Amino acid sequence: MYQRGQVVKSLAGRDKGYLLTVVSADETNVFVCDGKERPLNNPKRKNPRHIESVGMCISDNQMASDRALRKALAAIKAVI
């Protein structure tokens, strides 16, 4: 199951290949944001089969604003 702050990679859809972070999750959907195309106040609903975990998490401080989220995801993308 996906947890808040977990970094995932999109496997399908228009955002295929993008790094996203999980904002929330329920039984059937995961809500993800990237801070640019999908800001924190408008998360995208994704099917859990269409994303995969990259094994990293970001803190709530890094999810405080869209700018901080973009910066955190860019740093993770540079490492991967």
N, C-alpha and C. Protein backbone atom coordinates (compact mmCIF):
# COMPACT_ATOMS: atom_id res chain seq x y z
N MET A 1 0.85 -1.19 0.00
CA MET A 1 0.00 0.00 0.00
C MET A 1 0.89 1.24 0.00
N TYR A 2 0.43 2.25 -0.65
CA TYR A 2 1.20 3.49 -0.76
C TYR A 2 0.92 4.40 0.43
N GLN A 3 1.96 5.15 0.84
CA GLN A 3 1.85 6.04 1.99
C GLN A 3 2.15 7.47 1.56
N ARG A 4 1.66 8.43 2.32
CA ARG A 4 1.90 9.84 2.05
C ARG A 4 3.40 10.13 2.04
N GLY A 5 3.85 10.84 1.01
CA GLY A 5 5.25 11.20 0.89
C GLY A 5 6.09 10.24 0.08
N GLN A 6 5.54 9.09 -0.26
CA GLN A 6 6.28 8.11 -1.04
C GLN A 6 6.43 8.60 -2.48
N VAL A 7 7.62 8.44 -3.04
CA VAL A 7 7.89 8.87 -4.41
C VAL A 7 7.64 7.69 -5.33
N VAL A 8 6.87 7.94 -6.40
CA VAL A 8 6.51 6.90 -7.35
C VAL A 8 6.79 7.38 -8.77
N LYS A 9 6.89 6.43 -9.67
CA LYS A 9 7.07 6.72 -11.09
C LYS A 9 5.82 6.28 -11.83
N SER A 10 5.32 7.13 -12.71
CA SER A 10 4.13 6.80 -13.48
C SER A 10 4.51 5.86 -14.62
N LEU A 11 3.74 4.79 -14.77
CA LEU A 11 3.98 3.79 -15.82
C LEU A 11 3.04 3.92 -17.00
N ALA A 12 1.93 4.63 -16.82
CA ALA A 12 0.94 4.74 -17.88
C ALA A 12 0.25 6.09 -17.82
N GLY A 13 -0.26 6.51 -18.94
CA GLY A 13 -0.99 7.77 -19.02
C GLY A 13 -0.14 8.87 -19.62
N ARG A 14 -0.71 10.05 -19.65
CA ARG A 14 -0.05 11.21 -20.23
C ARG A 14 1.22 11.58 -19.47
N ASP A 15 1.27 11.24 -18.19
CA ASP A 15 2.41 11.56 -17.34
C ASP A 15 3.39 10.39 -17.22
N LYS A 16 3.41 9.49 -18.17
CA LYS A 16 4.28 8.32 -18.15
C LYS A 16 5.74 8.73 -18.01
N GLY A 17 6.44 8.12 -17.05
CA GLY A 17 7.84 8.41 -16.82
C GLY A 17 8.10 9.51 -15.82
N TYR A 18 7.08 10.23 -15.38
CA TYR A 18 7.24 11.33 -14.43
C TYR A 18 7.40 10.79 -13.01
N LEU A 19 8.17 11.50 -12.20
CA LEU A 19 8.22 11.21 -10.78
C LEU A 19 7.12 12.01 -10.10
N LEU A 20 6.39 11.35 -9.23
CA LEU A 20 5.28 11.96 -8.51
C LEU A 20 5.40 11.57 -7.05
N THR A 21 4.71 12.30 -6.20
CA THR A 21 4.67 11.92 -4.79
C THR A 21 3.23 11.65 -4.37
N VAL A 22 3.05 10.69 -3.50
CA VAL A 22 1.73 10.29 -3.04
C VAL A 22 1.23 11.28 -2.00
N VAL A 23 0.03 11.80 -2.24
CA VAL A 23 -0.60 12.72 -1.29
C VAL A 23 -1.54 11.93 -0.37
N SER A 24 -2.29 11.01 -0.95
CA SER A 24 -3.16 10.14 -0.16
C SER A 24 -3.48 8.91 -0.99
N ALA A 25 -4.05 7.91 -0.32
CA ALA A 25 -4.42 6.67 -1.00
C ALA A 25 -5.62 6.06 -0.31
N ASP A 26 -6.44 5.39 -1.10
CA ASP A 26 -7.53 4.61 -0.54
C ASP A 26 -7.46 3.20 -1.13
N GLU A 27 -8.53 2.43 -1.03
CA GLU A 27 -8.49 1.04 -1.46
C GLU A 27 -8.28 0.88 -2.96
N THR A 28 -8.81 1.80 -3.76
CA THR A 28 -8.79 1.63 -5.21
C THR A 28 -7.97 2.67 -5.96
N ASN A 29 -7.61 3.78 -5.33
CA ASN A 29 -6.92 4.86 -6.02
C ASN A 29 -5.78 5.42 -5.18
N VAL A 30 -4.82 6.02 -5.89
CA VAL A 30 -3.73 6.74 -5.24
C VAL A 30 -3.76 8.15 -5.81
N PHE A 31 -3.67 9.15 -4.95
CA PHE A 31 -3.68 10.54 -5.40
C PHE A 31 -2.25 11.07 -5.34
N VAL A 32 -1.77 11.56 -6.49
CA VAL A 32 -0.38 11.96 -6.63
C VAL A 32 -0.27 13.40 -7.14
N CYS A 33 0.88 14.03 -6.83
CA CYS A 33 1.18 15.39 -7.27
C CYS A 33 2.64 15.48 -7.67
N ASP A 34 2.93 16.48 -8.50
CA ASP A 34 4.33 16.74 -8.84
C ASP A 34 4.71 18.20 -8.60
N GLY A 35 3.75 19.05 -8.24
CA GLY A 35 4.05 20.44 -7.93
C GLY A 35 4.03 21.36 -9.13
N LYS A 36 3.96 20.81 -10.34
CA LYS A 36 3.94 21.64 -11.54
C LYS A 36 2.67 21.36 -12.34
N GLU A 37 2.63 20.22 -13.03
CA GLU A 37 1.44 19.85 -13.79
C GLU A 37 0.27 19.57 -12.85
N ARG A 38 0.58 18.96 -11.74
CA ARG A 38 -0.42 18.64 -10.72
C ARG A 38 0.00 19.24 -9.39
N PRO A 39 -0.53 20.43 -9.04
CA PRO A 39 -0.19 21.04 -7.76
C PRO A 39 -0.83 20.30 -6.59
N LEU A 40 -0.38 20.62 -5.40
CA LEU A 40 -0.86 19.94 -4.19
C LEU A 40 -2.36 20.11 -3.97
N ASN A 41 -2.91 21.24 -4.41
CA ASN A 41 -4.34 21.46 -4.18
C ASN A 41 -5.22 20.80 -5.25
N ASN A 42 -4.61 20.13 -6.25
CA ASN A 42 -5.36 19.45 -7.29
C ASN A 42 -4.66 18.14 -7.67
N PRO A 43 -4.65 17.15 -6.76
CA PRO A 43 -3.92 15.90 -7.05
C PRO A 43 -4.58 15.08 -8.14
N LYS A 44 -3.78 14.26 -8.80
CA LYS A 44 -4.27 13.37 -9.86
C LYS A 44 -4.58 12.01 -9.26
N ARG A 45 -5.70 11.46 -9.66
CA ARG A 45 -6.10 10.12 -9.23
C ARG A 45 -5.47 9.12 -10.19
N LYS A 46 -4.72 8.16 -9.63
CA LYS A 46 -4.06 7.13 -10.45
C LYS A 46 -4.45 5.75 -9.93
N ASN A 47 -4.52 4.82 -10.85
CA ASN A 47 -4.71 3.42 -10.51
C ASN A 47 -3.39 2.90 -9.96
N PRO A 48 -3.38 2.19 -8.84
CA PRO A 48 -2.12 1.67 -8.29
C PRO A 48 -1.33 0.78 -9.25
N ARG A 49 -2.00 0.17 -10.22
CA ARG A 49 -1.30 -0.66 -11.21
C ARG A 49 -0.49 0.19 -12.18
N HIS A 50 -0.76 1.47 -12.25
CA HIS A 50 -0.10 2.35 -13.21
C HIS A 50 1.05 3.15 -12.62
N ILE A 51 1.45 2.83 -11.40
CA ILE A 51 2.59 3.49 -10.77
C ILE A 51 3.48 2.45 -10.11
N GLU A 52 4.76 2.80 -9.92
CA GLU A 52 5.67 1.93 -9.19
C GLU A 52 6.50 2.78 -8.25
N SER A 53 6.79 2.24 -7.10
CA SER A 53 7.58 2.93 -6.10
C SER A 53 9.05 2.97 -6.52
N VAL A 54 9.72 4.09 -6.23
CA VAL A 54 11.15 4.19 -6.51
C VAL A 54 11.96 3.95 -5.24
N GLY A 55 11.28 3.66 -4.13
CA GLY A 55 11.97 3.31 -2.89
C GLY A 55 12.43 4.50 -2.08
N MET A 56 11.89 5.67 -2.33
CA MET A 56 12.28 6.86 -1.58
C MET A 56 11.02 7.57 -1.09
N CYS A 57 11.20 8.34 -0.02
CA CYS A 57 10.11 9.13 0.54
C CYS A 57 10.59 10.55 0.75
N ILE A 58 9.66 11.49 0.77
CA ILE A 58 10.00 12.87 1.11
C ILE A 58 9.20 13.26 2.35
N SER A 59 9.72 14.22 3.07
CA SER A 59 9.11 14.61 4.34
C SER A 59 7.93 15.56 4.12
N ASP A 60 7.18 15.78 5.19
CA ASP A 60 6.06 16.73 5.13
C ASP A 60 6.55 18.15 4.89
N ASN A 61 7.76 18.48 5.35
CA ASN A 61 8.32 19.81 5.11
C ASN A 61 8.54 20.03 3.62
N GLN A 62 8.95 18.98 2.91
CA GLN A 62 9.18 19.09 1.48
C GLN A 62 7.87 19.09 0.70
N MET A 63 6.78 18.72 1.36
CA MET A 63 5.46 18.76 0.73
C MET A 63 4.65 19.96 1.20
N ALA A 64 5.31 20.93 1.81
CA ALA A 64 4.61 22.10 2.35
C ALA A 64 4.11 23.02 1.25
N SER A 65 4.83 23.09 0.13
CA SER A 65 4.43 23.95 -0.98
C SER A 65 4.79 23.27 -2.30
N ASP A 66 4.21 23.76 -3.37
CA ASP A 66 4.51 23.21 -4.69
C ASP A 66 5.97 23.43 -5.06
N ARG A 67 6.50 24.56 -4.70
CA ARG A 67 7.90 24.86 -5.02
C ARG A 67 8.85 23.90 -4.31
N ALA A 68 8.60 23.66 -3.02
CA ALA A 68 9.43 22.73 -2.26
C ALA A 68 9.30 21.31 -2.80
N LEU A 69 8.10 20.94 -3.23
CA LEU A 69 7.87 19.61 -3.79
C LEU A 69 8.64 19.44 -5.10
N ARG A 70 8.59 20.42 -5.98
CA ARG A 70 9.34 20.36 -7.25
C ARG A 70 10.83 20.22 -6.99
N LYS A 71 11.33 20.96 -6.01
CA LYS A 71 12.75 20.93 -5.67
C LYS A 71 13.16 19.55 -5.15
N ALA A 72 12.33 18.96 -4.30
CA ALA A 72 12.62 17.64 -3.74
C ALA A 72 12.60 16.57 -4.82
N LEU A 73 11.62 16.63 -5.71
CA LEU A 73 11.53 15.63 -6.78
C LEU A 73 12.69 15.78 -7.78
N ALA A 74 13.13 17.01 -8.02
CA ALA A 74 14.28 17.22 -8.92
C ALA A 74 15.54 16.63 -8.31
N ALA A 75 15.71 16.76 -7.01
CA ALA A 75 16.88 16.19 -6.34
C ALA A 75 16.86 14.67 -6.42
N ILE A 76 15.69 14.06 -6.25
CA ILE A 76 15.57 12.61 -6.34
C ILE A 76 15.81 12.15 -7.77
N LYS A 77 15.32 12.88 -8.74
CA LYS A 77 15.51 12.51 -10.14
C LYS A 77 16.99 12.54 -10.53
N ALA A 78 17.74 13.47 -9.94
CA ALA A 78 19.17 13.56 -10.22
C ALA A 78 19.93 12.35 -9.66
N VAL A 79 19.42 11.77 -8.58
CA VAL A 79 20.07 10.63 -7.94
C VAL A 79 19.74 9.33 -8.69
N ILE A 80 18.54 9.23 -9.19
CA ILE A 80 18.09 7.98 -9.85
C ILE A 80 18.74 7.82 -11.21
